Amino acid sequence: MGMRNHSAHQIPAPHLLLNVPQETLDGVLRLLDDDDVDFVKLARSIEAHAALAAIIIREVNSVTVGNHQPIESIRHAIALLGLRRIRESLESVNYIGERSRAV
């Protein structure tokens, strides 16, 4: 998957990227590919890996989301961000991870 234009939101912190196993990232991206996404399963998959959860929480707490109160729940973060934005964030992680492995 190619990287989309991510100027609308921040790229996850590099130290977080190093801690997300490719198989974990692939699994969450597969869940997002399903037309009938199971939101509970998606939230649990993200919550199961601290670095992945931190990336999503960091994204939802960014100023670009427009939320003025920090969010600490992955389920709430998913609701606020929406599936498209979560996918874009995770594709950024995937793209950067692929680039760092290629170096």
PDB file of N, CA and C in Angstrom:
ATOM      1  N   MET A   1       0.824  -1.175   0.000  1.00  0.00           N
ATOM      2  CA  MET A   1       0.000   0.000   0.000  1.00  0.00           C
ATOM      3  C   MET A   1       0.871   1.241   0.000  1.00  0.00           C
ATOM      4  N   GLY A   2       0.539   2.194  -0.818  1.00  0.00           N
ATOM      5  CA  GLY A   2       1.310   3.418  -0.866  1.00  0.00           C
ATOM      6  C   GLY A   2       0.892   4.382   0.219  1.00  0.00           C
ATOM      7  N   MET A   3       1.761   5.302   0.494  1.00  0.00           N
ATOM      8  CA  MET A   3       1.468   6.311   1.495  1.00  0.00           C
ATOM      9  C   MET A   3       0.636   7.416   0.875  1.00  0.00           C
ATOM     10  N   ARG A   4      -0.424   7.781   1.541  1.00  0.00           N
ATOM     11  CA  ARG A   4      -1.265   8.875   1.085  1.00  0.00           C
ATOM     12  C   ARG A   4      -0.731  10.187   1.625  1.00  0.00           C
ATOM     13  N   ASN A   5      -1.314  11.279   1.177  1.00  0.00           N
ATOM     14  CA  ASN A   5      -0.934  12.595   1.684  1.00  0.00           C
ATOM     15  C   ASN A   5      -1.361  12.706   3.136  1.00  0.00           C
ATOM     16  N   HIS A   6      -0.431  12.865   4.036  1.00  0.00           N
ATOM     17  CA  HIS A   6      -0.723  12.903   5.455  1.00  0.00           C
ATOM     18  C   HIS A   6      -0.509  14.281   6.058  1.00  0.00           C
ATOM     19  N   SER A   7      -0.616  15.314   5.254  1.00  0.00           N
ATOM     20  CA  SER A   7      -0.414  16.649   5.779  1.00  0.00           C
ATOM     21  C   SER A   7      -1.494  17.046   6.765  1.00  0.00           C
ATOM     22  N   ALA A   8      -2.645  16.378   6.740  1.00  0.00           N
ATOM     23  CA  ALA A   8      -3.744  16.721   7.627  1.00  0.00           C
ATOM     24  C   ALA A   8      -3.527  16.217   9.049  1.00  0.00           C
ATOM     25  N   HIS A   9      -2.599  15.317   9.260  1.00  0.00           N
ATOM     26  CA  HIS A   9      -2.335  14.830  10.608  1.00  0.00           C
ATOM     27  C   HIS A   9      -0.867  14.500  10.768  1.00  0.00           C
ATOM     28  N   GLN A  10      -0.481  14.297  12.007  1.00  0.00           N
ATOM     29  CA  GLN A  10       0.927  14.083  12.297  1.00  0.00           C
ATOM     30  C   GLN A  10       1.355  12.649  12.044  1.00  0.00           C
ATOM     31  N   ILE A  11       2.607  12.502  11.715  1.00  0.00           N
ATOM     32  CA  ILE A  11       3.201  11.178  11.558  1.00  0.00           C
ATOM     33  C   ILE A  11       3.546  10.673  12.962  1.00  0.00           C
ATOM     34  N   PRO A  12       3.272   9.402  13.247  1.00  0.00           N
ATOM     35  CA  PRO A  12       3.576   8.864  14.569  1.00  0.00           C
ATOM     36  C   PRO A  12       5.047   9.016  14.943  1.00  0.00           C
ATOM     37  N   ALA A  13       5.303   9.138  16.242  1.00  0.00           N
ATOM     38  CA  ALA A  13       6.663   9.290  16.743  1.00  0.00           C
ATOM     39  C   ALA A  13       7.514   8.085  16.329  1.00  0.00           C
ATOM     40  N   PRO A  14       8.739   8.327  15.848  1.00  0.00           N
ATOM     41  CA  PRO A  14       9.593   7.231  15.365  1.00  0.00           C
ATOM     42  C   PRO A  14       9.840   6.131  16.382  1.00  0.00           C
ATOM     43  N   HIS A  15       9.990   6.486  17.665  1.00  0.00           N
ATOM     44  CA  HIS A  15      10.243   5.436  18.661  1.00  0.00           C
ATOM     45  C   HIS A  15       9.039   4.515  18.825  1.00  0.00           C
ATOM     46  N   LEU A  16       7.833   4.992  18.524  1.00  0.00           N
ATOM     47  CA  LEU A  16       6.656   4.137  18.578  1.00  0.00           C
ATOM     48  C   LEU A  16       6.621   3.180  17.389  1.00  0.00           C
ATOM     49  N   LEU A  17       7.071   3.662  16.244  1.00  0.00           N
ATOM     50  CA  LEU A  17       7.054   2.840  15.030  1.00  0.00           C
ATOM     51  C   LEU A  17       7.897   1.585  15.181  1.00  0.00           C
ATOM     52  N   LEU A  18       9.000   1.711  15.876  1.00  0.00           N
ATOM     53  CA  LEU A  18       9.926   0.594  16.027  1.00  0.00           C
ATOM     54  C   LEU A  18       9.334  -0.528  16.862  1.00  0.00           C
ATOM     55  N   ASN A  19       8.305  -0.210  17.636  1.00  0.00           N
ATOM     56  CA  ASN A  19       7.744  -1.185  18.562  1.00  0.00           C
ATOM     57  C   ASN A  19       6.465  -1.850  18.066  1.00  0.00           C
ATOM     58  N   VAL A  20       6.090  -1.632  16.825  1.00  0.00           N
ATOM     59  CA  VAL A  20       4.885  -2.257  16.286  1.00  0.00           C
ATOM     60  C   VAL A  20       5.294  -3.391  15.348  1.00  0.00           C
ATOM     61  N   PRO A  21       5.079  -4.643  15.771  1.00  0.00           N
ATOM     62  CA  PRO A  21       5.424  -5.771  14.894  1.00  0.00           C
ATOM     63  C   PRO A  21       4.611  -5.726  13.603  1.00  0.00           C
ATOM     64  N   GLN A  22       5.231  -6.079  12.511  1.00  0.00           N
ATOM     65  CA  GLN A  22       4.566  -6.049  11.214  1.00  0.00           C
ATOM     66  C   GLN A  22       3.297  -6.901  11.206  1.00  0.00           C
ATOM     67  N   GLU A  23       3.354  -8.068  11.842  1.00  0.00           N
ATOM     68  CA  GLU A  23       2.169  -8.932  11.847  1.00  0.00           C
ATOM     69  C   GLU A  23       0.999  -8.307  12.602  1.00  0.00           C
ATOM     70  N   THR A  24       1.289  -7.529  13.642  1.00  0.00           N
ATOM     71  CA  THR A  24       0.244  -6.818  14.383  1.00  0.00           C
ATOM     72  C   THR A  24      -0.383  -5.750  13.505  1.00  0.00           C
ATOM     73  N   LEU A  25       0.463  -4.981  12.863  1.00  0.00           N
ATOM     74  CA  LEU A  25      -0.004  -3.929  11.967  1.00  0.00           C
ATOM     75  C   LEU A  25      -0.822  -4.511  10.819  1.00  0.00           C
ATOM     76  N   ASP A  26      -0.334  -5.577  10.218  1.00  0.00           N
ATOM     77  CA  ASP A  26      -1.055  -6.232   9.124  1.00  0.00           C
ATOM     78  C   ASP A  26      -2.429  -6.732   9.574  1.00  0.00           C
ATOM     79  N   GLY A  27      -2.484  -7.285  10.779  1.00  0.00           N
ATOM     80  CA  GLY A  27      -3.752  -7.790  11.299  1.00  0.00           C
ATOM     81  C   GLY A  27      -4.784  -6.692  11.478  1.00  0.00           C
ATOM     82  N   VAL A  28      -4.364  -5.561  11.998  1.00  0.00           N
ATOM     83  CA  VAL A  28      -5.288  -4.440  12.187  1.00  0.00           C
ATOM     84  C   VAL A  28      -5.713  -3.872  10.830  1.00  0.00           C
ATOM     85  N   LEU A  29      -4.788  -3.774   9.901  1.00  0.00           N
ATOM     86  CA  LEU A  29      -5.149  -3.288   8.568  1.00  0.00           C
ATOM     87  C   LEU A  29      -6.143  -4.235   7.887  1.00  0.00           C
ATOM     88  N   ARG A  30      -6.003  -5.544   8.114  1.00  0.00           N
ATOM     89  CA  ARG A  30      -6.971  -6.509   7.560  1.00  0.00           C
ATOM     90  C   ARG A  30      -8.353  -6.290   8.159  1.00  0.00           C
ATOM     91  N   LEU A  31      -8.414  -6.018   9.464  1.00  0.00           N
ATOM     92  CA  LEU A  31      -9.705  -5.725  10.097  1.00  0.00           C
ATOM     93  C   LEU A  31     -10.356  -4.499   9.454  1.00  0.00           C
ATOM     94  N   LEU A  32      -9.537  -3.511   9.146  1.00  0.00           N
ATOM     95  CA  LEU A  32     -10.057  -2.283   8.530  1.00  0.00           C
ATOM     96  C   LEU A  32     -10.499  -2.510   7.089  1.00  0.00           C
ATOM     97  N   ASP A  33      -9.993  -3.558   6.440  1.00  0.00           N
ATOM     98  CA  ASP A  33     -10.396  -3.885   5.068  1.00  0.00           C
ATOM     99  C   ASP A  33     -11.809  -4.454   4.995  1.00  0.00           C
ATOM    100  N   ASP A  34     -12.288  -4.999   6.111  1.00  0.00           N
ATOM    101  CA  ASP A  34     -13.611  -5.616   6.144  1.00  0.00           C
ATOM    102  C   ASP A  34     -14.685  -4.531   6.015  1.00  0.00           C
ATOM    103  N   ASP A  35     -15.619  -4.725   5.078  1.00  0.00           N
ATOM    104  CA  ASP A  35     -16.708  -3.764   4.895  1.00  0.00           C
ATOM    105  C   ASP A  35     -17.598  -3.663   6.123  1.00  0.00           C
ATOM    106  N   ASP A  36     -17.656  -4.733   6.898  1.00  0.00           N
ATOM    107  CA  ASP A  36     -18.464  -4.763   8.117  1.00  0.00           C
ATOM    108  C   ASP A  36     -17.511  -4.860   9.313  1.00  0.00           C
ATOM    109  N   VAL A  37     -16.777  -3.796   9.561  1.00  0.00           N
ATOM    110  CA  VAL A  37     -15.739  -3.784  10.595  1.00  0.00           C
ATOM    111  C   VAL A  37     -16.344  -4.082  11.964  1.00  0.00           C
ATOM    112  N   ASP A  38     -15.715  -4.996  12.677  1.00  0.00           N
ATOM    113  CA  ASP A  38     -16.099  -5.297  14.056  1.00  0.00           C
ATOM    114  C   ASP A  38     -15.318  -4.325  14.946  1.00  0.00           C
ATOM    115  N   PHE A  39     -16.013  -3.290  15.423  1.00  0.00           N
ATOM    116  CA  PHE A  39     -15.348  -2.226  16.172  1.00  0.00           C
ATOM    117  C   PHE A  39     -14.767  -2.719  17.495  1.00  0.00           C
ATOM    118  N   VAL A  40     -15.435  -3.652  18.133  1.00  0.00           N
ATOM    119  CA  VAL A  40     -14.915  -4.193  19.390  1.00  0.00           C
ATOM    120  C   VAL A  40     -13.617  -4.955  19.127  1.00  0.00           C
ATOM    121  N   LYS A  41     -13.614  -5.772  18.084  1.00  0.00           N
ATOM    122  CA  LYS A  41     -12.406  -6.534  17.734  1.00  0.00           C
ATOM    123  C   LYS A  41     -11.281  -5.582  17.312  1.00  0.00           C
ATOM    124  N   LEU A  42     -11.619  -4.534  16.576  1.00  0.00           N
ATOM    125  CA  LEU A  42     -10.626  -3.547  16.167  1.00  0.00           C
ATOM    126  C   LEU A  42     -10.012  -2.867  17.390  1.00  0.00           C
ATOM    127  N   ALA A  43     -10.852  -2.429  18.306  1.00  0.00           N
ATOM    128  CA  ALA A  43     -10.353  -1.772  19.524  1.00  0.00           C
ATOM    129  C   ALA A  43      -9.474  -2.717  20.328  1.00  0.00           C
ATOM    130  N   ARG A  44      -9.896  -3.964  20.477  1.00  0.00           N
ATOM    131  CA  ARG A  44      -9.099  -4.938  21.238  1.00  0.00           C
ATOM    132  C   ARG A  44      -7.759  -5.204  20.569  1.00  0.00           C
ATOM    133  N   SER A  45      -7.755  -5.248  19.247  1.00  0.00           N
ATOM    134  CA  SER A  45      -6.497  -5.483  18.518  1.00  0.00           C
ATOM    135  C   SER A  45      -5.528  -4.331  18.716  1.00  0.00           C
ATOM    136  N   ILE A  46      -6.041  -3.127  18.723  1.00  0.00           N
ATOM    137  CA  ILE A  46      -5.190  -1.948  18.938  1.00  0.00           C
ATOM    138  C   ILE A  46      -4.728  -1.901  20.388  1.00  0.00           C
ATOM    139  N   GLU A  47      -5.645  -2.156  21.326  1.00  0.00           N
ATOM    140  CA  GLU A  47      -5.319  -2.124  22.755  1.00  0.00           C
ATOM    141  C   GLU A  47      -4.299  -3.190  23.141  1.00  0.00           C
ATOM    142  N   ALA A  48      -4.254  -4.289  22.389  1.00  0.00           N
ATOM    143  CA  ALA A  48      -3.369  -5.402  22.728  1.00  0.00           C
ATOM    144  C   ALA A  48      -1.897  -5.063  22.554  1.00  0.00           C
ATOM    145  N   HIS A  49      -1.607  -4.002  21.849  1.00  0.00           N
ATOM    146  CA  HIS A  49      -0.213  -3.619  21.637  1.00  0.00           C
ATOM    147  C   HIS A  49      -0.030  -2.169  22.048  1.00  0.00           C
ATOM    148  N   ALA A  50       0.748  -1.940  23.088  1.00  0.00           N
ATOM    149  CA  ALA A  50       0.898  -0.605  23.687  1.00  0.00           C
ATOM    150  C   ALA A  50       1.360   0.463  22.692  1.00  0.00           C
ATOM    151  N   ALA A  51       2.313   0.128  21.832  1.00  0.00           N
ATOM    152  CA  ALA A  51       2.824   1.134  20.887  1.00  0.00           C
ATOM    153  C   ALA A  51       1.753   1.523  19.877  1.00  0.00           C
ATOM    154  N   LEU A  52       0.982   0.554  19.427  1.00  0.00           N
ATOM    155  CA  LEU A  52      -0.093   0.827  18.477  1.00  0.00           C
ATOM    156  C   LEU A  52      -1.174   1.684  19.142  1.00  0.00           C
ATOM    157  N   ALA A  53      -1.532   1.353  20.373  1.00  0.00           N
ATOM    158  CA  ALA A  53      -2.507   2.151  21.115  1.00  0.00           C
ATOM    159  C   ALA A  53      -1.997   3.576  21.312  1.00  0.00           C
ATOM    160  N   ALA A  54      -0.705   3.719  21.615  1.00  0.00           N
ATOM    161  CA  ALA A  54      -0.124   5.048  21.811  1.00  0.00           C
ATOM    162  C   ALA A  54      -0.184   5.880  20.532  1.00  0.00           C
ATOM    163  N   ILE A  55       0.018   5.241  19.389  1.00  0.00           N
ATOM    164  CA  ILE A  55      -0.051   5.952  18.109  1.00  0.00           C
ATOM    165  C   ILE A  55      -1.461   6.495  17.890  1.00  0.00           C
ATOM    166  N   ILE A  56      -2.482   5.680  18.157  1.00  0.00           N
ATOM    167  CA  ILE A  56      -3.865   6.099  17.954  1.00  0.00           C
ATOM    168  C   ILE A  56      -4.252   7.186  18.964  1.00  0.00           C
ATOM    169  N   ILE A  57      -3.881   7.017  20.229  1.00  0.00           N
ATOM    170  CA  ILE A  57      -4.185   8.033  21.241  1.00  0.00           C
ATOM    171  C   ILE A  57      -3.480   9.343  20.901  1.00  0.00           C
ATOM    172  N   ARG A  58      -2.239   9.253  20.467  1.00  0.00           N
ATOM    173  CA  ARG A  58      -1.504  10.458  20.084  1.00  0.00           C
ATOM    174  C   ARG A  58      -2.194  11.169  18.923  1.00  0.00           C
ATOM    175  N   GLU A  59      -2.679  10.400  17.968  1.00  0.00           N
ATOM    176  CA  GLU A  59      -3.370  10.970  16.815  1.00  0.00           C
ATOM    177  C   GLU A  59      -4.653  11.673  17.240  1.00  0.00           C
ATOM    178  N   VAL A  60      -5.452  11.026  18.071  1.00  0.00           N
ATOM    179  CA  VAL A  60      -6.729  11.629  18.468  1.00  0.00           C
ATOM    180  C   VAL A  60      -6.522  12.835  19.381  1.00  0.00           C
ATOM    181  N   ASN A  61      -5.450  12.853  20.127  1.00  0.00           N
ATOM    182  CA  ASN A  61      -5.165  13.996  20.993  1.00  0.00           C
ATOM    183  C   ASN A  61      -4.449  15.137  20.270  1.00  0.00           C
ATOM    184  N   SER A  62      -4.133  14.943  18.994  1.00  0.00           N
ATOM    185  CA  SER A  62      -3.458  15.999  18.243  1.00  0.00           C
ATOM    186  C   SER A  62      -4.403  17.173  18.017  1.00  0.00           C
ATOM    187  N   VAL A  63      -3.838  18.319  17.837  1.00  0.00           N
ATOM    188  CA  VAL A  63      -4.654  19.516  17.649  1.00  0.00           C
ATOM    189  C   VAL A  63      -5.462  19.468  16.367  1.00  0.00           C
ATOM    190  N   THR A  64      -5.045  18.683  15.393  1.00  0.00           N
ATOM    191  CA  THR A  64      -5.761  18.640  14.119  1.00  0.00           C
ATOM    192  C   THR A  64      -7.123  17.970  14.229  1.00  0.00           C
ATOM    193  N   VAL A  65      -7.343  17.171  15.267  1.00  0.00           N
ATOM    194  CA  VAL A  65      -8.633  16.523  15.447  1.00  0.00           C
ATOM    195  C   VAL A  65      -9.657  17.525  15.963  1.00  0.00           C
ATOM    196  N   GLY A  66      -9.197  18.553  16.673  1.00  0.00           N
ATOM    197  CA  GLY A  66     -10.096  19.574  17.177  1.00  0.00           C
ATOM    198  C   GLY A  66     -10.745  19.212  18.500  1.00  0.00           C
ATOM    199  N   ASN A  67     -10.298  18.141  19.111  1.00  0.00           N
ATOM    200  CA  ASN A  67     -10.833  17.742  20.409  1.00  0.00           C
ATOM    201  C   ASN A  67     -10.068  18.488  21.492  1.00  0.00           C
ATOM    202  N   HIS A  68     -10.772  19.023  22.449  1.00  0.00           N
ATOM    203  CA  HIS A  68     -10.117  19.833  23.471  1.00  0.00           C
ATOM    204  C   HIS A  68      -9.876  19.081  24.781  1.00  0.00           C
ATOM    205  N   GLN A  69     -10.325  17.839  24.856  1.00  0.00           N
ATOM    206  CA  GLN A  69     -10.080  17.033  26.039  1.00  0.00           C
ATOM    207  C   GLN A  69      -9.344  15.766  25.628  1.00  0.00           C
ATOM    208  N   PRO A  70      -8.273  15.421  26.340  1.00  0.00           N
ATOM    209  CA  PRO A  70      -7.550  14.195  26.004  1.00  0.00           C
ATOM    210  C   PRO A  70      -8.453  12.965  26.071  1.00  0.00           C
ATOM    211  N   ILE A  71      -8.236  12.057  25.172  1.00  0.00           N
ATOM    212  CA  ILE A  71      -8.992  10.817  25.098  1.00  0.00           C
ATOM    213  C   ILE A  71      -8.062   9.695  25.533  1.00  0.00           C
ATOM    214  N   GLU A  72      -8.528   8.859  26.416  1.00  0.00           N
ATOM    215  CA  GLU A  72      -7.684   7.772  26.901  1.00  0.00           C
ATOM    216  C   GLU A  72      -8.226   6.399  26.558  1.00  0.00           C
ATOM    217  N   SER A  73      -9.364   6.343  25.885  1.00  0.00           N
ATOM    218  CA  SER A  73      -9.977   5.077  25.499  1.00  0.00           C
ATOM    219  C   SER A  73      -9.806   4.857  23.997  1.00  0.00           C
ATOM    220  N   ILE A  74      -9.368   3.678  23.627  1.00  0.00           N
ATOM    221  CA  ILE A  74      -9.215   3.355  22.211  1.00  0.00           C
ATOM    222  C   ILE A  74     -10.571   3.371  21.510  1.00  0.00           C
ATOM    223  N   ARG A  75     -11.587   2.855  22.139  1.00  0.00           N
ATOM    224  CA  ARG A  75     -12.926   2.866  21.517  1.00  0.00           C
ATOM    225  C   ARG A  75     -13.403   4.290  21.237  1.00  0.00           C
ATOM    226  N   HIS A  76     -13.176   5.172  22.188  1.00  0.00           N
ATOM    227  CA  HIS A  76     -13.549   6.574  21.985  1.00  0.00           C
ATOM    228  C   HIS A  76     -12.699   7.191  20.878  1.00  0.00           C
ATOM    229  N   ALA A  77     -11.429   6.849  20.849  1.00  0.00           N
ATOM    230  CA  ALA A  77     -10.531   7.354  19.797  1.00  0.00           C
ATOM    231  C   ALA A  77     -11.005   6.908  18.414  1.00  0.00           C
ATOM    232  N   ILE A  78     -11.408   5.653  18.304  1.00  0.00           N
ATOM    233  CA  ILE A  78     -11.899   5.139  17.020  1.00  0.00           C
ATOM    234  C   ILE A  78     -13.129   5.918  16.580  1.00  0.00           C
ATOM    235  N   ALA A  79     -14.030   6.167  17.514  1.00  0.00           N
ATOM    236  CA  ALA A  79     -15.251   6.911  17.190  1.00  0.00           C
ATOM    237  C   ALA A  79     -14.935   8.332  16.731  1.00  0.00           C
ATOM    238  N   LEU A  80     -13.991   8.984  17.384  1.00  0.00           N
ATOM    239  CA  LEU A  80     -13.639  10.359  17.020  1.00  0.00           C
ATOM    240  C   LEU A  80     -12.844  10.445  15.721  1.00  0.00           C
ATOM    241  N   LEU A  81     -11.911   9.520  15.538  1.00  0.00           N
ATOM    242  CA  LEU A  81     -11.055   9.570  14.351  1.00  0.00           C
ATOM    243  C   LEU A  81     -11.757   9.068  13.105  1.00  0.00           C
ATOM    244  N   GLY A  82     -12.514   8.016  13.254  1.00  0.00           N
ATOM    245  CA  GLY A  82     -13.127   7.381  12.094  1.00  0.00           C
ATOM    246  C   GLY A  82     -12.166   6.385  11.469  1.00  0.00           C
ATOM    247  N   LEU A  83     -12.735   5.460  10.739  1.00  0.00           N
ATOM    248  CA  LEU A  83     -11.941   4.371  10.168  1.00  0.00           C
ATOM    249  C   LEU A  83     -10.946   4.852   9.124  1.00  0.00           C
ATOM    250  N   ARG A  84     -11.336   5.819   8.305  1.00  0.00           N
ATOM    251  CA  ARG A  84     -10.426   6.308   7.260  1.00  0.00           C
ATOM    252  C   ARG A  84      -9.164   6.916   7.878  1.00  0.00           C
ATOM    253  N   ARG A  85      -9.325   7.707   8.908  1.00  0.00           N
ATOM    254  CA  ARG A  85      -8.172   8.362   9.540  1.00  0.00           C
ATOM    255  C   ARG A  85      -7.289   7.342  10.264  1.00  0.00           C
ATOM    256  N   ILE A  86      -7.899   6.358  10.889  1.00  0.00           N
ATOM    257  CA  ILE A  86      -7.107   5.304  11.539  1.00  0.00           C
ATOM    258  C   ILE A  86      -6.305   4.557  10.487  1.00  0.00           C
ATOM    259  N   ARG A  87      -6.956   4.206   9.377  1.00  0.00           N
ATOM    260  CA  ARG A  87      -6.261   3.518   8.288  1.00  0.00           C
ATOM    261  C   ARG A  87      -5.086   4.364   7.804  1.00  0.00           C
ATOM    262  N   GLU A  88      -5.294   5.657   7.598  1.00  0.00           N
ATOM    263  CA  GLU A  88      -4.219   6.530   7.126  1.00  0.00           C
ATOM    264  C   GLU A  88      -3.058   6.567   8.118  1.00  0.00           C
ATOM    265  N   SER A  89      -3.369   6.632   9.398  1.00  0.00           N
ATOM    266  CA  SER A  89      -2.310   6.626  10.418  1.00  0.00           C
ATOM    267  C   SER A  89      -1.520   5.334  10.384  1.00  0.00           C
ATOM    268  N   LEU A  90      -2.235   4.220  10.267  1.00  0.00           N
ATOM    269  CA  LEU A  90      -1.558   2.928  10.257  1.00  0.00           C
ATOM    270  C   LEU A  90      -0.809   2.694   8.958  1.00  0.00           C
ATOM    271  N   GLU A  91      -1.316   3.212   7.856  1.00  0.00           N
ATOM    272  CA  GLU A  91      -0.565   3.124   6.600  1.00  0.00           C
ATOM    273  C   GLU A  91       0.719   3.936   6.688  1.00  0.00           C
ATOM    274  N   SER A  92       0.684   5.053   7.407  1.00  0.00           N
ATOM    275  CA  SER A  92       1.907   5.833   7.628  1.00  0.00           C
ATOM    276  C   SER A  92       2.924   5.011   8.394  1.00  0.00           C
ATOM    277  N   VAL A  93       2.448   4.329   9.433  1.00  0.00           N
ATOM    278  CA  VAL A  93       3.326   3.462  10.230  1.00  0.00           C
ATOM    279  C   VAL A  93       3.909   2.376   9.334  1.00  0.00           C
ATOM    280  N   ASN A  94       3.063   1.763   8.517  1.00  0.00           N
ATOM    281  CA  ASN A  94       3.504   0.698   7.628  1.00  0.00           C
ATOM    282  C   ASN A  94       4.531   1.216   6.622  1.00  0.00           C
ATOM    283  N   TYR A  95       4.258   2.348   6.020  1.00  0.00           N
ATOM    284  CA  TYR A  95       5.162   2.940   5.036  1.00  0.00           C
ATOM    285  C   TYR A  95       6.525   3.267   5.659  1.00  0.00           C
ATOM    286  N   ILE A  96       6.491   3.903   6.815  1.00  0.00           N
ATOM    287  CA  ILE A  96       7.743   4.282   7.470  1.00  0.00           C
ATOM    288  C   ILE A  96       8.499   3.025   7.906  1.00  0.00           C
ATOM    289  N   GLY A  97       7.762   2.014   8.393  1.00  0.00           N
ATOM    290  CA  GLY A  97       8.395   0.757   8.784  1.00  0.00           C
ATOM    291  C   GLY A  97       9.058   0.066   7.606  1.00  0.00           C
ATOM    292  N   GLU A  98       8.376   0.071   6.458  1.00  0.00           N
ATOM    293  CA  GLU A  98       8.956  -0.521   5.257  1.00  0.00           C
ATOM    294  C   GLU A  98      10.210   0.217   4.834  1.00  0.00           C
ATOM    295  N   ARG A  99      10.174   1.532   4.919  1.00  0.00           N
ATOM    296  CA  ARG A  99      11.346   2.334   4.541  1.00  0.00           C
ATOM    297  C   ARG A  99      12.521   2.072   5.482  1.00  0.00           C
ATOM    298  N   SER A 100      12.250   1.968   6.772  1.00  0.00           N
ATOM    299  CA  SER A 100      13.350   1.751   7.708  1.00  0.00           C
ATOM    300  C   SER A 100      13.937   0.345   7.559  1.00  0.00           C
ATOM    301  N   ARG A 101      13.104  -0.641   7.185  1.00  0.00           N
ATOM    302  CA  ARG A 101      13.629  -1.990   6.962  1.00  0.00           C
ATOM    303  C   ARG A 101      14.451  -2.071   5.689  1.00  0.00           C
ATOM    304  N   ALA A 102      14.161  -1.194   4.725  1.00  0.00           N
ATOM    305  CA  ALA A 102      14.873  -1.205   3.451  1.00  0.00           C
ATOM    306  C   ALA A 102      16.261  -0.564   3.554  1.00  0.00           C
ATOM    307  N   VAL A 103      16.467   0.214   4.581  1.00  0.00           N
ATOM    308  CA  VAL A 103      17.743   0.919   4.729  1.00  0.00           C
ATOM    309  C   VAL A 103      18.814   0.050   5.266  1.00  0.00           C
TER     310      VAL A 103
END
